[in-house]
Protein backbone atom coordinates (compact mmCIF):
# COMPACT_ATOMS: atom_id res chain seq x y z
CA MET A 1 -33.11 -8.06 -44.17
CA HIS A 2 -30.33 -5.85 -45.39
CA VAL A 3 -26.55 -5.80 -45.34
CA GLY A 4 -25.06 -4.70 -42.04
CA ARG A 5 -28.12 -5.55 -39.96
CA GLU A 6 -27.37 -7.64 -36.91
CA VAL A 7 -29.60 -10.64 -36.36
CA ASP A 8 -30.07 -12.14 -32.92
CA ARG A 9 -30.39 -15.87 -32.28
CA ALA A 10 -34.19 -15.82 -31.91
CA GLU A 11 -34.61 -14.07 -35.25
CA LEU A 12 -32.25 -16.54 -36.91
CA ASP A 13 -34.16 -19.51 -35.45
CA ARG A 14 -37.47 -18.03 -36.65
CA ILE A 15 -36.12 -17.58 -40.18
CA ALA A 16 -34.74 -21.13 -40.21
CA HIS A 17 -38.09 -22.50 -38.99
CA GLU A 18 -39.99 -20.60 -41.70
CA GLU A 19 -37.57 -21.87 -44.34
CA GLN A 20 -38.04 -25.47 -43.16
CA LEU A 21 -41.82 -24.99 -43.21
CA HIS A 22 -41.65 -23.62 -46.74
CA GLU A 23 -39.51 -26.55 -47.92
CA ALA A 24 -41.88 -29.08 -46.32
CA ARG A 25 -44.90 -27.48 -47.97
CA GLN A 26 -43.19 -27.43 -51.34
CA TYR A 27 -42.29 -31.10 -50.99
CA ALA A 28 -45.87 -31.94 -49.96
CA PHE A 29 -47.21 -30.02 -52.97
CA LEU A 30 -44.84 -31.98 -55.19
CA LEU A 31 -46.04 -35.30 -53.75
CA LEU A 32 -49.68 -34.28 -54.16
CA SER A 33 -49.05 -33.23 -57.75
CA TYR A 34 -48.38 -36.86 -58.64
CA LYS A 35 -51.40 -38.41 -56.92
CA ALA A 36 -53.79 -37.96 -54.02
CA ARG A 37 -52.35 -39.09 -50.71
CA THR A 38 -53.59 -39.66 -47.20
CA THR A 39 -52.47 -37.79 -44.12
CA SER A 40 -50.59 -40.86 -42.98
CA GLU A 41 -48.77 -41.26 -46.29
CA LEU A 42 -47.72 -37.61 -46.29
CA THR A 43 -46.57 -37.84 -42.67
CA GLN A 44 -44.38 -40.82 -43.51
CA ARG A 45 -42.90 -39.20 -46.60
CA LEU A 46 -42.17 -35.87 -44.88
CA THR A 47 -40.64 -37.62 -41.88
CA ARG A 48 -38.51 -39.81 -44.13
CA LYS A 49 -37.32 -36.65 -45.90
CA GLY A 50 -35.97 -35.45 -42.55
CA PHE A 51 -38.46 -32.81 -41.45
CA SER A 52 -39.10 -32.45 -37.72
CA PRO A 53 -42.45 -33.56 -36.24
CA ASP A 54 -43.61 -29.98 -35.59
CA ILE A 55 -42.84 -29.00 -39.20
CA VAL A 56 -44.70 -32.07 -40.46
CA SER A 57 -47.67 -31.30 -38.22
CA SER A 58 -47.83 -27.65 -39.30
CA THR A 59 -47.55 -28.60 -42.95
CA LEU A 60 -50.33 -31.18 -42.73
CA GLN A 61 -52.54 -28.80 -40.78
CA ARG A 62 -52.18 -26.21 -43.53
CA LEU A 63 -52.90 -28.77 -46.27
CA VAL A 64 -56.08 -29.81 -44.45
CA GLU A 65 -57.11 -26.14 -44.15
CA LEU A 66 -56.57 -25.75 -47.90
CA LYS A 67 -58.63 -28.94 -48.45
CA MET A 68 -55.76 -30.51 -50.34
CA VAL A 69 -55.74 -33.48 -47.97
CA ASP A 70 -59.03 -35.06 -46.93
CA ASP A 71 -58.87 -38.68 -45.79
CA ALA A 72 -62.65 -39.20 -45.88
CA ALA A 73 -62.95 -37.97 -49.47
CA PHE A 74 -59.87 -39.98 -50.44
CA ALA A 75 -61.42 -43.14 -48.97
CA ARG A 76 -64.72 -42.58 -50.82
CA ARG A 77 -63.03 -42.03 -54.19
CA PHE A 78 -60.62 -44.90 -53.63
CA ALA A 79 -63.41 -47.36 -52.73
CA GLU A 80 -65.54 -46.34 -55.69
CA ASP A 81 -62.62 -46.61 -58.13
CA ARG A 82 -61.42 -49.96 -56.79
CA VAL A 83 -64.88 -51.51 -57.08
CA ASN A 84 -65.88 -49.98 -60.44
CA ILE A 85 -62.57 -49.78 -62.28
CA GLY A 86 -60.27 -52.20 -60.44
CA HIS A 87 -62.94 -54.87 -59.98
CA LYS A 88 -61.98 -55.49 -56.37
CA GLY A 89 -64.23 -56.58 -53.55
CA LYS A 90 -65.03 -54.45 -50.55
CA TRP A 91 -62.93 -56.59 -48.19
CA ARG A 92 -59.87 -55.99 -50.34
CA VAL A 93 -60.62 -52.27 -50.53
CA ARG A 94 -60.94 -52.16 -46.75
CA GLY A 95 -57.50 -53.74 -46.35
CA GLU A 96 -55.90 -51.36 -48.84
CA LEU A 97 -57.38 -48.35 -47.04
CA LEU A 98 -56.13 -49.64 -43.69
CA LYS A 99 -52.63 -49.91 -45.16
CA ARG A 100 -52.87 -46.30 -46.26
CA GLY A 101 -53.58 -45.20 -42.69
CA ILE A 102 -57.23 -44.23 -43.03
CA ASP A 103 -59.34 -44.22 -39.85
CA ARG A 104 -61.70 -47.21 -39.47
CA LYS A 105 -64.79 -45.00 -39.19
CA GLN A 106 -63.91 -43.27 -42.45
CA ILE A 107 -63.30 -46.65 -44.08
CA ASP A 108 -66.67 -47.96 -42.92
CA ALA A 109 -68.40 -44.87 -44.30
CA ALA A 110 -66.57 -45.16 -47.63
CA ILE A 111 -67.35 -48.87 -47.95
CA ALA A 112 -71.02 -48.21 -47.17
CA GLU A 113 -71.16 -45.59 -49.94
CA ALA A 114 -69.23 -47.71 -52.46
CA PRO A 115 -71.17 -49.18 -55.37
CA ASP A 116 -72.49 -52.71 -55.24
CA GLU A 117 -69.69 -55.19 -55.84
CA VAL A 118 -71.85 -57.82 -57.57
CA ALA A 119 -71.55 -56.15 -60.98
CA ALA A 120 -67.76 -56.01 -60.66
CA ALA A 121 -67.62 -59.66 -59.59
CA LYS A 122 -69.81 -60.68 -62.54
CA GLU A 123 -67.51 -58.85 -64.92
CA VAL A 124 -64.45 -60.63 -63.50
CA ALA A 125 -66.26 -63.98 -63.72
CA GLN A 126 -67.34 -63.44 -67.33
CA LYS A 127 -63.83 -62.54 -68.39
CA TYR A 128 -62.40 -65.59 -66.59
CA LEU A 129 -65.04 -67.92 -68.02
CA SER A 130 -64.46 -66.72 -71.57
CA ARG A 131 -60.79 -67.69 -71.33
CA ASN A 132 -61.21 -70.98 -69.46
CA ARG A 133 -64.25 -72.74 -70.96
CA ARG A 134 -62.21 -75.87 -71.67
CA LEU A 135 -61.88 -76.73 -67.96
CA GLU A 136 -64.15 -79.21 -66.27
CA PRO A 137 -67.09 -77.53 -64.51
CA ASP A 138 -65.96 -78.45 -60.99
CA VAL A 139 -62.41 -77.22 -61.60
CA LEU A 140 -63.70 -74.08 -63.27
CA LYS A 141 -66.03 -73.29 -60.38
CA ARG A 142 -63.32 -73.92 -57.78
CA ARG A 143 -60.80 -71.70 -59.57
CA LEU A 144 -63.33 -68.95 -60.18
CA TYR A 145 -64.30 -69.06 -56.51
CA ALA A 146 -60.63 -68.71 -55.53
CA LEU A 147 -60.11 -65.83 -57.97
CA LEU A 148 -63.08 -63.91 -56.62
CA ALA A 149 -62.01 -64.57 -53.03
CA ARG A 150 -58.48 -63.27 -53.76
CA ARG A 151 -60.01 -60.14 -55.24
CA GLY A 152 -61.76 -59.52 -51.93
CA PHE A 153 -65.36 -60.30 -52.78
CA SER A 154 -67.59 -61.50 -49.95
CA LEU A 155 -68.93 -65.05 -49.80
CA ASP A 156 -72.46 -63.78 -50.48
CA THR A 157 -71.28 -61.97 -53.60
CA ILE A 158 -69.38 -65.02 -54.82
CA ARG A 159 -72.44 -67.20 -54.27
CA THR A 160 -74.61 -64.73 -56.15
CA VAL A 161 -72.21 -64.64 -59.09
CA LEU A 162 -71.82 -68.40 -59.26
CA GLY A 163 -75.56 -68.93 -59.08
CA GLY A 164 -75.79 -69.96 -55.44
CA GLU A 165 -74.33 -73.38 -56.19
CA ILE A 166 -71.39 -73.11 -53.83
CA ASP A 167 -71.79 -74.37 -50.30
CA ASN A 168 -69.41 -73.83 -47.40
């Protein structure tokens, strides 16, 4: 570009499209600088920002090519962190991944690779028991069962942690 050069409509549209694409990529980079995000989350944020569907699609395609967005890897890391660090059960992790727009096949693979949830459930139970020893055993068991169920642990895991004493 230089002063005095005439620009036709097609050239102007191409420049505007490239500028929009650049802005969308910069916004996506900004979002990814804060935390890892799924394709679905980025699509929602870019759309909410006002970018057109073709700009959003092109931006996400480029981010996938650069390996900056990978839903399968995100799901694996998320599941491992939620079980090990967040002390959540696999059912809860599955629900959180569904909310984030991850494909069911990728979720199943991530859950299968996630660490065993029994250790996390035992840690939650020990912490709860240390603070609530004064309760009657039946009340304690019922409340601990409810806590573990809210955290998304399976019935088998809860039974294992509570010593197999809980019946349906």
